[in-house]
Amino acid sequence: MMTEQELLSKVEIALEEIRPFLQSDGGDISLISIDEGKIVKVQLQGACVGCTVNQMTLKSGVEMTIKKHAPQIESVLSV
């Protein structure tokens, strides 16, 4: 079982992997919280906020990348 700090670190690593793609489209992402050690809350920023594909991006890209680094994460929510 990962500690809260290790989990936070893994999620940040995943977000760093995703960030260049979002920034190339004029957006960004930030980690808001990790609830119960399995639900990641993120906030999309910049061009990503009103983007029609952001829910798809969130599920396919962000969630998949976070789960690759931290398999115990069950879902990623945009707040």
N, C-alpha and C. Protein backbone atom coordinates (compact mmCIF):
# COMPACT_ATOMS: atom_id res chain seq x y z
N MET A 1 0.85 -1.20 0.00
CA MET A 1 0.00 0.00 0.00
C MET A 1 0.88 1.25 0.00
N MET A 2 0.55 2.15 -0.89
CA MET A 2 1.30 3.40 -1.00
C MET A 2 0.91 4.38 0.09
N THR A 3 1.87 5.15 0.56
CA THR A 3 1.53 6.21 1.51
C THR A 3 0.85 7.34 0.74
N GLU A 4 0.21 8.23 1.47
CA GLU A 4 -0.46 9.37 0.84
C GLU A 4 0.55 10.21 0.06
N GLN A 5 1.75 10.38 0.63
CA GLN A 5 2.79 11.17 -0.03
C GLN A 5 3.28 10.51 -1.31
N GLU A 6 3.44 9.20 -1.28
CA GLU A 6 3.87 8.47 -2.48
C GLU A 6 2.81 8.57 -3.58
N LEU A 7 1.56 8.45 -3.17
CA LEU A 7 0.46 8.54 -4.12
C LEU A 7 0.42 9.92 -4.76
N LEU A 8 0.56 10.94 -3.93
CA LEU A 8 0.57 12.33 -4.41
C LEU A 8 1.70 12.52 -5.42
N SER A 9 2.85 11.97 -5.10
CA SER A 9 4.01 12.06 -5.97
C SER A 9 3.75 11.37 -7.32
N LYS A 10 3.15 10.19 -7.29
CA LYS A 10 2.84 9.45 -8.52
C LYS A 10 1.86 10.22 -9.40
N VAL A 11 0.84 10.81 -8.77
CA VAL A 11 -0.16 11.57 -9.53
C VAL A 11 0.48 12.81 -10.14
N GLU A 12 1.35 13.48 -9.39
CA GLU A 12 2.05 14.66 -9.93
C GLU A 12 2.93 14.28 -11.12
N ILE A 13 3.59 13.13 -11.04
CA ILE A 13 4.42 12.64 -12.15
C ILE A 13 3.54 12.43 -13.39
N ALA A 14 2.36 11.84 -13.18
CA ALA A 14 1.43 11.61 -14.29
C ALA A 14 0.99 12.93 -14.90
N LEU A 15 0.68 13.92 -14.04
CA LEU A 15 0.24 15.23 -14.55
C LEU A 15 1.36 15.93 -15.32
N GLU A 16 2.61 15.75 -14.86
CA GLU A 16 3.75 16.33 -15.58
C GLU A 16 3.87 15.73 -16.98
N GLU A 17 3.50 14.46 -17.11
CA GLU A 17 3.54 13.77 -18.40
C GLU A 17 2.48 14.33 -19.35
N ILE A 18 1.34 14.70 -18.79
CA ILE A 18 0.19 15.18 -19.57
C ILE A 18 0.31 16.67 -19.91
N ARG A 19 0.87 17.42 -18.98
CA ARG A 19 0.90 18.89 -19.07
C ARG A 19 1.38 19.45 -20.41
N PRO A 20 2.48 18.94 -21.00
CA PRO A 20 2.95 19.51 -22.28
C PRO A 20 1.89 19.46 -23.39
N PHE A 21 1.08 18.41 -23.41
CA PHE A 21 0.04 18.28 -24.42
C PHE A 21 -1.05 19.34 -24.22
N LEU A 22 -1.42 19.56 -22.96
CA LEU A 22 -2.44 20.57 -22.65
C LEU A 22 -1.90 21.97 -22.92
N GLN A 23 -0.63 22.20 -22.55
CA GLN A 23 -0.03 23.52 -22.74
C GLN A 23 0.13 23.86 -24.22
N SER A 24 0.35 22.84 -25.05
CA SER A 24 0.48 23.10 -26.48
C SER A 24 -0.83 23.60 -27.08
N ASP A 25 -1.94 23.31 -26.39
CA ASP A 25 -3.25 23.81 -26.82
C ASP A 25 -3.68 25.04 -26.02
N GLY A 26 -2.77 25.60 -25.23
CA GLY A 26 -3.08 26.79 -24.46
C GLY A 26 -3.78 26.53 -23.14
N GLY A 27 -3.68 25.30 -22.65
CA GLY A 27 -4.33 24.96 -21.39
C GLY A 27 -3.35 24.46 -20.36
N ASP A 28 -3.89 23.97 -19.26
CA ASP A 28 -3.06 23.38 -18.21
C ASP A 28 -3.97 22.57 -17.28
N ILE A 29 -3.36 21.91 -16.32
CA ILE A 29 -4.11 21.10 -15.36
C ILE A 29 -3.43 21.21 -14.01
N SER A 30 -4.24 21.22 -12.95
CA SER A 30 -3.64 21.21 -11.62
C SER A 30 -4.39 20.23 -10.73
N LEU A 31 -3.65 19.63 -9.80
CA LEU A 31 -4.20 18.67 -8.87
C LEU A 31 -4.89 19.43 -7.74
N ILE A 32 -6.15 19.10 -7.47
CA ILE A 32 -6.88 19.73 -6.38
C ILE A 32 -6.79 18.85 -5.13
N SER A 33 -7.13 17.57 -5.27
CA SER A 33 -7.07 16.67 -4.12
C SER A 33 -7.10 15.22 -4.55
N ILE A 34 -6.76 14.36 -3.61
CA ILE A 34 -6.92 12.91 -3.79
C ILE A 34 -7.79 12.46 -2.62
N ASP A 35 -9.02 12.06 -2.91
CA ASP A 35 -9.96 11.69 -1.86
C ASP A 35 -9.97 10.18 -1.64
N GLU A 36 -9.89 9.78 -0.38
CA GLU A 36 -9.94 8.37 0.02
C GLU A 36 -8.88 7.52 -0.67
N GLY A 37 -7.84 8.17 -1.16
CA GLY A 37 -6.76 7.44 -1.81
C GLY A 37 -7.11 6.82 -3.13
N LYS A 38 -8.28 7.21 -3.71
CA LYS A 38 -8.67 6.58 -4.97
C LYS A 38 -9.40 7.49 -5.95
N ILE A 39 -9.76 8.69 -5.53
CA ILE A 39 -10.45 9.62 -6.43
C ILE A 39 -9.62 10.89 -6.56
N VAL A 40 -9.14 11.13 -7.76
CA VAL A 40 -8.31 12.30 -8.02
C VAL A 40 -9.20 13.42 -8.55
N LYS A 41 -9.06 14.60 -7.95
CA LYS A 41 -9.78 15.78 -8.45
C LYS A 41 -8.77 16.73 -9.05
N VAL A 42 -9.03 17.10 -10.29
CA VAL A 42 -8.14 18.01 -11.00
C VAL A 42 -8.94 19.21 -11.50
N GLN A 43 -8.22 20.26 -11.83
CA GLN A 43 -8.87 21.43 -12.41
C GLN A 43 -8.18 21.75 -13.73
N LEU A 44 -8.97 21.76 -14.79
CA LEU A 44 -8.46 22.14 -16.10
C LEU A 44 -8.41 23.66 -16.15
N GLN A 45 -7.41 24.19 -16.83
CA GLN A 45 -7.21 25.64 -16.87
C GLN A 45 -6.98 26.14 -18.28
N GLY A 46 -7.09 27.44 -18.45
CA GLY A 46 -6.81 28.07 -19.74
C GLY A 46 -7.77 27.60 -20.81
N ALA A 47 -7.24 27.27 -21.98
CA ALA A 47 -8.06 26.86 -23.12
C ALA A 47 -8.82 25.57 -22.85
N CYS A 48 -8.37 24.78 -21.88
CA CYS A 48 -9.02 23.49 -21.59
C CYS A 48 -10.37 23.67 -20.89
N VAL A 49 -10.60 24.83 -20.28
CA VAL A 49 -11.82 25.03 -19.50
C VAL A 49 -13.08 24.92 -20.34
N GLY A 50 -13.14 25.65 -21.44
CA GLY A 50 -14.36 25.63 -22.25
C GLY A 50 -14.31 24.66 -23.41
N CYS A 51 -13.28 23.84 -23.44
CA CYS A 51 -13.06 22.95 -24.57
C CYS A 51 -14.08 21.82 -24.58
N THR A 52 -14.66 21.56 -25.74
CA THR A 52 -15.68 20.52 -25.85
C THR A 52 -15.10 19.11 -25.71
N VAL A 53 -13.82 18.96 -25.98
CA VAL A 53 -13.22 17.62 -25.87
C VAL A 53 -12.61 17.38 -24.50
N ASN A 54 -12.75 18.33 -23.56
CA ASN A 54 -12.04 18.16 -22.29
C ASN A 54 -12.51 16.96 -21.48
N GLN A 55 -13.78 16.59 -21.57
CA GLN A 55 -14.23 15.39 -20.84
C GLN A 55 -13.61 14.13 -21.44
N MET A 56 -13.49 14.12 -22.75
CA MET A 56 -12.85 13.00 -23.43
C MET A 56 -11.36 12.96 -23.07
N THR A 57 -10.73 14.13 -23.10
CA THR A 57 -9.31 14.24 -22.74
C THR A 57 -9.10 13.77 -21.32
N LEU A 58 -9.99 14.18 -20.44
CA LEU A 58 -9.88 13.81 -19.03
C LEU A 58 -9.94 12.30 -18.86
N LYS A 59 -10.93 11.67 -19.47
CA LYS A 59 -11.09 10.22 -19.31
C LYS A 59 -10.00 9.43 -20.02
N SER A 60 -9.78 9.74 -21.30
CA SER A 60 -8.85 8.91 -22.06
C SER A 60 -7.40 9.21 -21.72
N GLY A 61 -7.04 10.47 -21.71
CA GLY A 61 -5.64 10.81 -21.49
C GLY A 61 -5.24 10.91 -20.03
N VAL A 62 -5.91 11.78 -19.31
CA VAL A 62 -5.52 12.06 -17.94
C VAL A 62 -5.73 10.86 -17.03
N GLU A 63 -6.94 10.30 -17.05
CA GLU A 63 -7.24 9.17 -16.16
C GLU A 63 -6.34 7.97 -16.48
N MET A 64 -6.17 7.69 -17.77
CA MET A 64 -5.34 6.57 -18.17
C MET A 64 -3.89 6.74 -17.70
N THR A 65 -3.36 7.95 -17.85
CA THR A 65 -1.98 8.21 -17.45
C THR A 65 -1.82 8.12 -15.93
N ILE A 66 -2.77 8.68 -15.19
CA ILE A 66 -2.71 8.61 -13.73
C ILE A 66 -2.78 7.15 -13.27
N LYS A 67 -3.69 6.37 -13.86
CA LYS A 67 -3.83 4.96 -13.47
C LYS A 67 -2.58 4.15 -13.81
N LYS A 68 -1.87 4.56 -14.85
CA LYS A 68 -0.63 3.88 -15.22
C LYS A 68 0.41 4.05 -14.09
N HIS A 69 0.44 5.24 -13.50
CA HIS A 69 1.40 5.54 -12.43
C HIS A 69 0.88 5.10 -11.05
N ALA A 70 -0.44 5.17 -10.86
CA ALA A 70 -1.05 4.84 -9.57
C ALA A 70 -2.30 4.00 -9.81
N PRO A 71 -2.13 2.69 -10.00
CA PRO A 71 -3.24 1.80 -10.37
C PRO A 71 -4.43 1.79 -9.41
N GLN A 72 -4.21 2.17 -8.16
CA GLN A 72 -5.32 2.14 -7.20
C GLN A 72 -6.32 3.27 -7.39
N ILE A 73 -5.99 4.24 -8.23
CA ILE A 73 -6.92 5.34 -8.49
C ILE A 73 -8.11 4.79 -9.28
N GLU A 74 -9.32 5.09 -8.81
CA GLU A 74 -10.53 4.57 -9.46
C GLU A 74 -11.10 5.55 -10.47
N SER A 75 -11.01 6.84 -10.16
CA SER A 75 -11.55 7.80 -11.12
C SER A 75 -10.89 9.15 -10.97
N VAL A 76 -10.99 9.92 -12.05
CA VAL A 76 -10.44 11.27 -12.10
C VAL A 76 -11.61 12.21 -12.43
N LEU A 77 -11.81 13.20 -11.58
CA LEU A 77 -12.91 14.14 -11.76
C LEU A 77 -12.38 15.54 -11.99
N SER A 78 -13.04 16.26 -12.87
CA SER A 78 -12.69 17.66 -13.10
C SER A 78 -13.61 18.52 -12.25
N VAL A 79 -13.02 19.39 -11.44
CA VAL A 79 -13.82 20.25 -10.54
C VAL A 79 -13.70 21.70 -10.93
